[in-house]
Amino acid sequence: MSLLNEWNTFETRRRFFGRGKNALGYAALSSLLGEAMSTPAQAGQGAVLPHFLPKAKRVIYLHMVGGPAQMDLFDYKPEMQKWYDKDLPESVRNGQRLTTMTSGQARFPIAPSKYRFERRGQCGMWMNADLLPHLAKNADDICWMRSLHTEAINHEPAICAMQTGNQITGRPCLGSWASYGLGAMNENLPTFVVLIATPTNREQEQAISPRLWSSGYLPGEHAGVSFRSKGDPILFINNPPGVPDSVRRRTIEGLNALNELNYQQVGDPETHTRIRQYEMAFRMQASVPELTDISQEPDHIFKLYGDEARKPGSFANSVLMARRLAERGVRFTQIYLNNWDHHGNVGGRMPSQCRDIDQPCHALIEDLKQRGMFEDTLIIWGGEFGRTIYSQGGLSKENYGRDHHPRCFTMWMAGGGAKGGAIYGETDEFSYNIVKDPLHISDFHATVLHLLGYNHERFTYKFQGLDQRLTGVESRKVVQALLA
């Protein structure tokens, strides 16, 4: 029996009607919602209509690869100055798992933060006053979350869990879920774009691979599209020498006709994905060069973001590019900034890392405000876990390291319905255990989906006989205290 005959044999009446059972309901809900969607996208462009009116139409996610040290940035622990070079008490660790990088240490000497902290904003958030002077101005715009925690203790499973909700690879990431749900606002650009920024200091970088922006079991069109910082933003986006647009257009039309014939015979939905991606690539030949040409930005914008914004591939340049993408209707922009894996030389590396992020993050918030986009653009900042209060290896006032710590870490959100000035969660004096309002990363995901208009329990995709979802099968909750 041929593959085509086998497909037709198993295409039962029940299966046919099952695949189309929701069409009438979607049409009715679309007419009821009407203008409430308040986005340029038509309901049919997204796979799932929002369950309620979204607060955020788009997301800019700034992922600090490696895990920033929360006690050096946002989790102020003044009592630790008295504990310098004393061992972490076993009653604090309480037998918790360590990585193999420090589990064999004879001692676990406390390394207090060497930086000065100050309260900022009416919310009174304690912040690193030495290294984050620009971001401190936005303390009341930001929703501070100091009690994130995860089960993953090593980078690969931890970053996978933070992006996809699961330590095992192959699941769709948050950006793909947003693309699947909300659909496109601009037919000439991808719905989900990834930028990889180059840090000033490159002492200890982690691997960043396309699996982090994979669409997993969702249709392939919802995968992230990675833009390069040098050369063509996307490989092969330009026509080969001697090939005019008219020839490329006829070539694509021919390929699309063949793919449509194949779809009519086999019915594989990925065939339509391929057709749409060919069309998108053709339209991007005109839209992407205009997008990536930042030379027309006025001088006051470069003054706001800093001189580094003129340097392709820098974090400041990537954040400015994210604003341009958001302006043009890109739903989800993910920026990865490496070198936060501070196993050593925290004192030498932290200043350069903070210089990379401080002014651009402040600028992004202010830039979105002046364009009327802050209220419906959600900014997320954070890593895959935190760091230990004790030093890895040797300890001195100038040079110490911090190992991975999944038990508590800090992230923040701004705009898009997040509650500015909120400070959620508390940790013990060692920044080692959570003592108030724990926030699991899956609860965080549920809250982000809520801001995008989705009930995380109903926002699912059928795969391998199960209704798969970003937040998994365990009971998770939307954290109301994080919502404006």
Protein backbone atom coordinates (compact mmCIF):
# COMPACT_ATOMS: atom_id res chain seq x y z
CA MET A 1 0.00 0.00 0.00
CA SER A 2 1.40 3.44 -0.93
CA LEU A 3 1.88 6.14 1.73
CA LEU A 4 -0.91 8.18 0.11
CA ASN A 5 -3.37 5.27 0.23
CA GLU A 6 -2.37 4.54 3.81
CA TRP A 7 -3.01 8.18 4.78
CA ASN A 8 -6.44 8.17 3.12
CA THR A 9 -7.34 4.85 4.77
CA PHE A 10 -6.76 6.22 8.25
CA GLU A 11 -8.43 9.58 7.58
CA THR A 12 -11.69 8.56 9.21
CA ARG A 13 -14.91 10.55 9.32
CA ARG A 14 -14.49 11.07 13.07
CA ARG A 15 -10.94 12.35 12.63
CA PHE A 16 -11.99 14.70 9.80
CA PHE A 17 -14.72 16.34 11.88
CA GLY A 18 -12.51 16.35 14.97
CA ARG A 19 -9.91 18.47 13.19
CA GLY A 20 -12.52 21.06 12.21
CA LYS A 21 -14.80 21.03 15.25
CA ASN A 22 -13.62 24.38 16.61
CA ALA A 23 -13.95 26.44 13.44
CA LEU A 24 -17.52 27.60 14.08
CA GLY A 25 -16.77 28.44 17.69
CA TYR A 26 -13.70 30.49 16.72
CA ALA A 27 -15.72 32.42 14.16
CA ALA A 28 -18.45 33.20 16.71
CA LEU A 29 -15.95 34.31 19.35
CA SER A 30 -14.11 36.47 16.83
CA SER A 31 -17.30 38.35 15.99
CA LEU A 32 -18.10 38.83 19.70
CA LEU A 33 -14.65 40.17 20.55
CA GLY A 34 -14.62 42.54 17.59
CA GLU A 35 -12.43 45.54 18.29
CA ALA A 36 -11.56 44.29 21.78
CA MET A 37 -8.54 42.55 20.30
CA SER A 38 -7.16 46.06 19.56
CA THR A 39 -4.30 44.71 17.43
CA PRO A 40 -3.64 44.92 13.69
CA ALA A 41 -3.63 41.13 13.48
CA GLN A 42 -6.77 39.40 12.33
CA ALA A 43 -8.04 36.64 14.60
CA GLY A 44 -7.41 34.03 11.94
CA GLN A 45 -3.68 34.78 11.86
CA GLY A 46 -3.21 33.38 15.35
CA ALA A 47 -3.91 29.75 16.15
CA VAL A 48 -5.82 30.46 19.37
CA LEU A 49 -7.90 33.51 20.20
CA PRO A 50 -7.02 35.08 23.58
CA HIS A 51 -9.21 33.94 26.44
CA PHE A 52 -9.49 37.52 27.64
CA LEU A 53 -8.24 40.97 26.65
CA PRO A 54 -4.41 40.95 26.63
CA LYS A 55 -2.46 43.52 28.61
CA ALA A 56 0.66 42.88 26.52
CA LYS A 57 0.62 42.78 22.72
CA ARG A 58 4.32 42.05 22.41
CA VAL A 59 7.29 40.85 24.50
CA ILE A 60 10.98 41.78 24.64
CA TYR A 61 12.80 39.11 26.66
CA LEU A 62 16.36 39.90 27.78
CA HIS A 63 17.98 36.62 28.85
CA MET A 64 21.24 36.89 30.80
CA VAL A 65 22.93 33.59 29.93
CA GLY A 66 24.82 32.02 32.83
CA GLY A 67 22.80 33.23 35.82
CA PRO A 68 23.39 36.72 37.32
CA ALA A 69 24.42 36.88 40.97
CA GLN A 70 21.29 38.18 42.71
CA MET A 71 23.11 39.28 45.89
CA ASP A 72 25.41 41.53 43.84
CA LEU A 73 22.57 43.25 41.97
CA PHE A 74 19.13 43.22 43.58
CA ASP A 75 19.03 41.01 46.73
CA TYR A 76 20.69 43.17 49.39
CA LYS A 77 22.21 41.20 52.29
CA PRO A 78 24.08 43.60 54.62
CA GLU A 79 24.41 41.01 57.41
CA MET A 80 26.77 39.02 55.23
CA GLN A 81 29.53 41.59 55.81
CA LYS A 82 29.86 40.11 59.31
CA TRP A 83 30.16 36.63 57.82
CA TYR A 84 33.11 37.28 55.51
CA ASP A 85 35.16 34.08 55.09
CA LYS A 86 33.05 32.16 57.59
CA ASP A 87 31.55 28.87 56.41
CA LEU A 88 27.98 28.64 55.21
CA PRO A 89 26.10 26.94 58.07
CA GLU A 90 24.85 23.45 57.34
CA SER A 91 21.47 24.54 58.75
CA VAL A 92 21.16 26.97 55.82
CA ARG A 93 22.26 24.54 53.14
CA ASN A 94 20.23 21.75 54.79
CA GLY A 95 21.68 19.02 52.60
CA GLN A 96 20.64 20.66 49.33
CA ARG A 97 22.26 19.53 46.12
CA LEU A 98 25.49 21.19 44.95
CA THR A 99 27.17 21.12 41.57
CA THR A 100 30.29 19.00 41.08
CA MET A 101 32.28 22.24 40.84
CA THR A 102 31.92 22.96 44.57
CA SER A 103 30.62 19.75 46.15
CA GLY A 104 34.19 18.65 46.84
CA GLN A 105 35.30 21.88 48.51
CA ALA A 106 36.55 21.53 52.08
CA ARG A 107 34.98 24.88 52.98
CA PHE A 108 32.14 27.09 51.80
CA PRO A 109 33.40 30.59 52.72
CA ILE A 110 30.84 33.41 52.65
CA ALA A 111 31.63 36.07 50.03
CA PRO A 112 29.55 39.21 50.76
CA SER A 113 28.86 41.55 47.89
CA LYS A 114 31.57 44.19 47.57
CA TYR A 115 29.13 46.72 46.08
CA ARG A 116 27.21 49.59 47.64
CA PHE A 117 23.41 49.34 47.69
CA GLU A 118 20.83 52.12 47.98
CA ARG A 119 17.06 52.27 48.13
CA ARG A 120 15.58 53.60 44.91
CA GLY A 121 12.13 54.85 43.92
CA GLN A 122 9.04 55.20 46.06
CA CYS A 123 8.94 51.40 46.24
CA GLY A 124 12.24 51.46 48.16
CA MET A 125 13.89 48.73 46.13
CA TRP A 126 17.48 48.03 47.25
CA MET A 127 19.72 48.13 44.17
CA ASN A 128 23.42 48.06 43.34
CA ALA A 129 24.10 51.81 43.34
CA ASP A 130 27.65 51.46 42.03
CA LEU A 131 26.90 49.55 38.83
CA LEU A 132 23.23 50.27 37.93
CA PRO A 133 22.76 54.06 38.15
CA HIS A 134 20.59 54.31 35.02
CA LEU A 135 18.29 51.37 35.73
CA ALA A 136 17.81 52.65 39.28
CA LYS A 137 15.85 55.58 37.82
CA ASN A 138 13.18 53.09 36.73
CA ALA A 139 12.73 51.34 40.09
CA ASP A 140 9.04 52.30 40.20
CA ASP A 141 8.45 51.14 36.61
CA ILE A 142 9.73 47.65 37.32
CA CYS A 143 8.07 44.62 38.91
CA TRP A 144 10.81 43.00 41.02
CA MET A 145 10.68 39.23 41.60
CA ARG A 146 13.25 38.03 44.17
CA SER A 147 11.98 34.52 44.82
CA LEU A 148 12.25 32.67 41.50
CA HIS A 149 13.35 29.07 41.86
CA THR A 150 13.90 26.03 39.64
CA GLU A 151 14.84 22.36 39.99
CA ALA A 152 17.66 22.57 37.43
CA ILE A 153 21.17 23.18 38.76
CA ASN A 154 23.20 23.08 35.53
CA HIS A 155 23.03 25.42 32.56
CA GLU A 156 21.67 23.22 29.80
CA PRO A 157 18.60 21.90 31.64
CA ALA A 158 18.09 25.21 33.47
CA ILE A 159 18.03 27.45 30.42
CA CYS A 160 15.86 24.88 28.63
CA ALA A 161 13.41 24.91 31.56
CA MET A 162 13.35 28.70 31.69
CA GLN A 163 12.61 28.98 27.98
CA THR A 164 10.34 25.96 27.41
CA GLY A 165 8.99 25.00 30.83
CA ASN A 166 10.80 21.65 30.77
CA GLN A 167 14.40 20.53 31.33
CA ILE A 168 14.14 18.10 28.39
CA THR A 169 14.76 19.58 24.96
CA GLY A 170 12.24 19.44 22.14
CA ARG A 171 9.43 21.54 23.64
CA PRO A 172 8.25 24.88 22.22
CA CYS A 173 9.75 27.95 23.87
CA LEU A 174 7.79 30.88 25.29
CA GLY A 175 8.31 32.91 22.11
CA SER A 176 6.86 30.12 19.99
CA TRP A 177 3.82 29.85 22.26
CA ALA A 178 3.29 33.62 21.92
CA SER A 179 3.56 33.35 18.13
CA TYR A 180 1.19 30.38 18.06
CA GLY A 181 -1.40 32.19 20.15
CA LEU A 182 -1.27 35.82 19.07
CA GLY A 183 -0.25 35.45 15.43
CA ALA A 184 1.34 38.09 13.24
CA MET A 185 0.97 41.86 13.22
CA ASN A 186 3.28 42.41 10.25
CA GLU A 187 3.21 40.16 7.18
CA ASN A 188 6.71 41.28 6.14
CA LEU A 189 8.58 40.25 9.29
CA PRO A 190 8.68 37.11 11.44
CA THR A 191 6.45 36.95 14.49
CA PHE A 192 9.35 35.78 16.68
CA VAL A 193 12.91 37.14 16.28
CA VAL A 194 16.09 36.18 18.15
CA LEU A 195 19.16 38.41 18.62
CA ILE A 196 22.42 37.23 20.20
CA ALA A 197 24.35 40.14 21.72
CA THR A 198 28.12 40.10 22.22
CA PRO A 199 29.24 41.00 25.77
CA THR A 200 32.14 43.36 26.35
CA ASN A 201 33.85 40.77 28.54
CA ARG A 202 33.93 37.27 27.04
CA GLU A 203 35.75 35.42 29.82
CA GLN A 204 33.39 32.48 30.36
CA GLU A 205 30.59 32.09 27.84
CA GLN A 206 27.97 29.37 27.62
CA ALA A 207 26.78 27.69 24.42
CA ILE A 208 23.64 29.20 22.86
CA SER A 209 21.94 27.00 20.28
CA PRO A 210 18.80 27.23 18.10
CA ARG A 211 17.06 24.60 20.22
CA LEU A 212 16.29 27.45 22.64
CA TRP A 213 14.04 29.13 20.08
CA SER A 214 12.63 25.95 18.57
CA SER A 215 8.90 25.59 17.95
CA GLY A 216 9.07 21.98 19.22
CA TYR A 217 5.83 20.20 18.38
CA LEU A 218 4.13 23.44 17.29
CA PRO A 219 4.06 24.18 13.54
CA GLY A 220 7.48 25.19 12.25
CA GLU A 221 6.38 28.73 11.35
CA HIS A 222 6.37 29.58 15.09
CA ALA A 223 10.11 28.96 15.56
CA GLY A 224 12.29 31.99 16.23
CA VAL A 225 14.20 33.55 13.33
CA SER A 226 17.75 34.45 14.33
CA PHE A 227 19.11 37.74 12.99
CA ARG A 228 22.89 38.00 12.62
CA SER A 229 24.75 41.13 13.71
CA LYS A 230 27.34 41.03 10.89
CA GLY A 231 26.84 40.66 7.17
CA ASP A 232 23.36 39.82 5.95
CA PRO A 233 20.99 39.72 8.94
CA ILE A 234 19.62 36.44 7.57
CA LEU A 235 21.66 34.08 5.40
CA PHE A 236 20.70 34.04 1.71
CA ILE A 237 18.12 36.81 2.14
CA ASN A 238 19.57 38.63 -0.87
CA ASN A 239 19.26 37.34 -4.43
CA PRO A 240 22.36 35.77 -5.99
CA PRO A 241 24.23 37.98 -8.48
CA GLY A 242 22.35 38.22 -11.76
CA VAL A 243 19.01 37.02 -10.32
CA PRO A 244 16.41 39.83 -10.36
CA ASP A 245 13.34 39.93 -8.12
CA SER A 246 11.10 38.96 -11.03
CA VAL A 247 12.94 35.64 -11.49
CA ARG A 248 12.87 34.97 -7.75
CA ARG A 249 9.13 35.70 -7.70
CA ARG A 250 8.41 33.22 -10.53
CA THR A 251 10.61 30.60 -8.83
CA ILE A 252 8.69 30.91 -5.57
CA GLU A 253 5.34 30.77 -7.36
CA GLY A 254 6.41 27.55 -9.05
CA LEU A 255 7.60 26.00 -5.79
CA ASN A 256 4.39 27.05 -4.04
CA ALA A 257 2.28 25.44 -6.76
CA LEU A 258 4.18 22.17 -6.37
CA ASN A 259 3.87 22.31 -2.60
CA GLU A 260 0.14 22.97 -2.86
CA LEU A 261 -0.28 19.89 -5.04
CA ASN A 262 1.62 17.89 -2.46
CA TYR A 263 -0.62 19.26 0.33
CA GLN A 264 -3.79 18.33 -1.55
CA GLN A 265 -2.53 14.77 -1.92
CA VAL A 266 -1.02 14.20 1.55
CA GLY A 267 -2.50 16.90 3.79
CA ASP A 268 0.66 17.47 5.84
CA PRO A 269 0.22 20.89 7.54
CA GLU A 270 3.99 21.47 7.46
CA THR A 271 3.64 21.84 3.68
CA HIS A 272 1.61 25.01 4.19
CA THR A 273 4.22 26.14 6.69
CA ARG A 274 6.83 25.79 3.95
CA ILE A 275 4.69 27.82 1.53
CA ARG A 276 4.22 30.63 4.06
CA GLN A 277 7.92 30.69 4.90
CA TYR A 278 8.91 31.03 1.24
CA GLU A 279 6.52 33.95 0.90
CA MET A 280 7.81 35.51 4.11
CA ALA A 281 11.42 35.22 2.93
CA PHE A 282 10.56 37.02 -0.31
CA ARG A 283 8.83 39.89 1.52
CA MET A 284 11.70 40.14 4.03
CA GLN A 285 14.08 40.98 1.22
CA ALA A 286 12.54 44.45 1.25
CA SER A 287 11.60 44.84 4.93
CA VAL A 288 14.75 43.59 6.71
CA PRO A 289 17.31 46.01 5.16
CA GLU A 290 15.11 48.95 6.21
CA LEU A 291 14.69 47.48 9.68
CA THR A 292 18.39 46.92 10.33
CA ASP A 293 19.52 50.31 8.99
CA ILE A 294 19.68 52.32 12.21
CA SER A 295 21.58 55.23 10.64
CA GLN A 296 18.35 57.20 10.37
CA GLU A 297 17.74 57.11 14.12
CA PRO A 298 18.07 60.66 15.54
CA ASP A 299 21.05 61.61 17.69
CA HIS A 300 18.93 61.90 20.85
CA ILE A 301 18.11 58.18 20.56
CA PHE A 302 21.79 57.23 20.43
CA LYS A 303 22.40 59.53 23.38
CA LEU A 304 19.61 57.71 25.26
CA TYR A 305 20.93 54.19 24.52
CA GLY A 306 24.61 55.15 24.65
CA ASP A 307 27.40 55.12 22.07
CA GLU A 308 27.54 51.31 22.14
CA ALA A 309 24.19 51.31 20.31
CA ARG A 310 26.06 52.27 17.13
CA LYS A 311 28.16 49.08 17.37
CA PRO A 312 26.53 46.09 15.59
CA GLY A 313 26.08 43.11 17.88
CA SER A 314 26.43 44.99 21.16
CA PHE A 315 23.70 44.64 23.77
CA ALA A 316 22.75 48.31 23.36
CA ASN A 317 22.47 47.86 19.58
CA SER A 318 20.38 44.70 20.06
CA VAL A 319 18.00 46.44 22.47
CA LEU A 320 17.56 49.34 20.04
CA MET A 321 16.88 46.78 17.31
CA ALA A 322 14.29 45.13 19.59
CA ARG A 323 12.47 48.44 19.89
CA ARG A 324 12.48 48.80 16.09
CA LEU A 325 11.13 45.26 15.74
CA ALA A 326 8.39 45.95 18.29
CA GLU A 327 7.45 49.13 16.43
CA ARG A 328 7.01 47.14 13.25
CA GLY A 329 4.75 44.54 14.80
CA VAL A 330 7.07 41.70 15.84
CA ARG A 331 5.31 39.89 18.66
CA PHE A 332 8.28 38.42 20.52
CA THR A 333 11.92 39.48 20.49
CA GLN A 334 14.44 37.43 22.45
CA ILE A 335 17.89 38.82 23.21
CA TYR A 336 20.58 36.56 24.66
CA LEU A 337 23.56 38.18 26.45
CA ASN A 338 26.29 35.78 27.52
CA ASN A 339 29.04 35.69 30.18
CA TRP A 340 26.99 35.82 33.41
CA ASP A 341 28.45 32.49 34.55
CA HIS A 342 30.51 33.99 37.38
CA HIS A 343 32.48 31.02 38.71
CA GLY A 344 35.43 33.36 39.21
CA ASN A 345 36.51 36.98 39.05
CA VAL A 346 33.12 38.42 40.01
CA GLY A 347 34.77 41.71 40.95
CA GLY A 348 36.49 41.97 37.58
CA ARG A 349 33.59 40.88 35.37
CA MET A 350 30.47 42.28 37.04
CA PRO A 351 31.27 45.96 36.23
CA SER A 352 31.58 45.29 32.49
CA GLN A 353 28.44 43.14 32.46
CA CYS A 354 26.47 45.89 34.20
CA ARG A 355 27.84 48.54 31.84
CA ASP A 356 26.49 46.43 28.99
CA ILE A 357 22.94 46.33 30.38
CA ASP A 358 22.44 49.39 32.61
CA GLN A 359 21.89 52.24 30.17
CA PRO A 360 20.24 50.17 27.39
CA CYS A 361 17.62 48.70 29.77
CA HIS A 362 16.82 52.17 31.12
CA ALA A 363 16.70 53.51 27.56
CA LEU A 364 14.33 50.79 26.38
CA ILE A 365 11.82 51.61 29.10
CA GLU A 366 12.03 55.35 28.43
CA ASP A 367 11.94 54.91 24.64
CA LEU A 368 8.82 52.74 24.79
CA LYS A 369 7.19 55.30 27.09
CA GLN A 370 7.77 58.20 24.73
CA ARG A 371 6.33 56.17 21.85
CA GLY A 372 3.21 55.16 23.76
CA MET A 373 4.24 51.48 23.66
CA PHE A 374 5.26 50.81 27.27
CA GLU A 375 1.79 49.92 28.50
CA ASP A 376 1.36 47.07 26.00
CA THR A 377 4.98 45.87 25.65
CA LEU A 378 6.21 43.42 28.30
CA ILE A 379 9.94 43.54 29.06
CA ILE A 380 11.43 40.53 30.86
CA TRP A 381 14.96 40.44 32.32
CA GLY A 382 16.67 37.49 34.00
CA GLY A 383 18.79 34.37 33.76
CA GLU A 384 18.25 30.64 34.22
CA PHE A 385 19.17 30.53 37.95
CA GLY A 386 21.10 32.50 40.59
CA ARG A 387 24.48 32.21 42.32
CA THR A 388 25.74 31.05 45.73
CA ILE A 389 26.62 33.39 48.59
CA TYR A 390 29.70 31.26 49.25
CA SER A 391 32.77 31.49 47.08
CA GLN A 392 33.85 28.88 44.60
CA GLY A 393 37.57 28.31 44.92
CA GLY A 394 39.68 30.96 46.63
CA LEU A 395 38.33 34.04 48.39
CA SER A 396 39.63 37.58 48.55
CA LYS A 397 37.98 41.00 48.68
CA GLU A 398 38.81 41.57 45.02
CA ASN A 399 38.47 38.12 43.51
CA TYR A 400 35.86 35.51 44.30
CA GLY A 401 33.54 33.23 42.36
CA ARG A 402 29.97 32.06 42.77
CA ASP A 403 28.56 28.66 41.84
CA HIS A 404 25.11 27.90 40.38
CA HIS A 405 22.18 28.32 42.74
CA PRO A 406 18.64 27.28 41.69
CA ARG A 407 17.01 27.76 45.11
CA CYS A 408 16.44 31.51 44.73
CA PHE A 409 17.20 34.19 42.15
CA THR A 410 15.91 37.55 40.96
CA MET A 411 14.19 38.54 37.72
CA TRP A 412 12.19 41.62 36.74
CA MET A 413 9.42 42.66 34.37
CA ALA A 414 8.30 46.08 33.18
CA GLY A 415 5.36 47.35 31.12
CA GLY A 416 2.75 45.16 29.47
CA GLY A 417 0.51 44.92 32.54
CA ALA A 418 3.27 44.10 35.07
CA LYS A 419 2.91 45.99 38.35
CA GLY A 420 5.52 48.72 38.50
CA GLY A 421 7.16 49.20 41.90
CA ALA A 422 6.03 45.80 43.20
CA ILE A 423 8.65 43.85 45.18
CA TYR A 424 7.69 40.20 45.39
CA GLY A 425 9.34 37.51 47.47
CA GLU A 426 12.02 37.45 50.16
CA THR A 427 15.07 35.30 50.78
CA ASP A 428 16.98 34.55 53.98
CA GLU A 429 20.02 36.57 55.06
CA PHE A 430 22.25 34.30 53.01
CA SER A 431 20.24 34.73 49.78
CA TYR A 432 20.10 30.94 49.84
CA ASN A 433 16.51 29.96 50.69
CA ILE A 434 13.16 31.62 50.08
CA VAL A 435 11.33 32.72 53.21
CA LYS A 436 8.32 34.47 51.66
CA ASP A 437 6.27 34.11 48.45
CA PRO A 438 8.17 31.47 46.43
CA LEU A 439 7.78 31.84 42.68
CA HIS A 440 8.37 28.73 40.58
CA ILE A 441 9.40 29.37 36.99
CA SER A 442 6.19 27.66 35.79
CA ASP A 443 4.12 30.08 37.90
CA PHE A 444 6.10 32.84 36.23
CA HIS A 445 5.24 31.37 32.80
CA ALA A 446 1.55 31.17 33.77
CA THR A 447 1.65 34.85 34.76
CA VAL A 448 3.30 35.91 31.49
CA LEU A 449 0.70 33.97 29.48
CA HIS A 450 -2.02 35.71 31.52
CA LEU A 451 -0.59 39.09 30.51
CA LEU A 452 -0.75 37.92 26.89
CA GLY A 453 -4.44 37.06 27.32
CA TYR A 454 -4.25 33.30 27.90
CA ASN A 455 -5.39 30.94 30.62
CA HIS A 456 -2.32 28.70 30.84
CA GLU A 457 -4.46 25.62 31.61
CA ARG A 458 -6.55 26.07 28.45
CA PHE A 459 -3.75 27.25 26.16
CA THR A 460 -2.79 23.85 24.77
CA TYR A 461 -1.66 21.97 21.68
CA LYS A 462 -2.56 18.36 20.93
CA PHE A 463 0.59 16.23 20.57
CA GLN A 464 1.14 12.50 21.13
CA GLY A 465 -2.40 12.17 22.41
CA LEU A 466 -2.01 14.82 25.12
CA ASP A 467 -3.06 18.45 25.46
CA GLN A 468 0.44 19.86 25.86
CA ARG A 469 1.02 23.21 27.54
CA LEU A 470 3.91 25.48 28.50
CA THR A 471 3.28 25.10 32.24
CA GLY A 472 3.17 21.29 32.23
CA VAL A 473 0.71 19.04 34.02
CA GLU A 474 1.32 20.16 37.61
CA SER A 475 -0.95 22.69 39.31
CA ARG A 476 0.36 26.19 38.63
CA LYS A 477 -1.00 29.63 39.38
CA VAL A 478 -1.07 33.18 38.03
CA VAL A 479 0.57 35.45 40.62
CA GLN A 480 -1.90 38.30 41.00
CA ALA A 481 0.55 40.41 43.03
CA LEU A 482 2.67 40.83 39.87
CA LEU A 483 -0.20 42.28 37.82
CA ALA A 484 -0.99 45.99 37.55
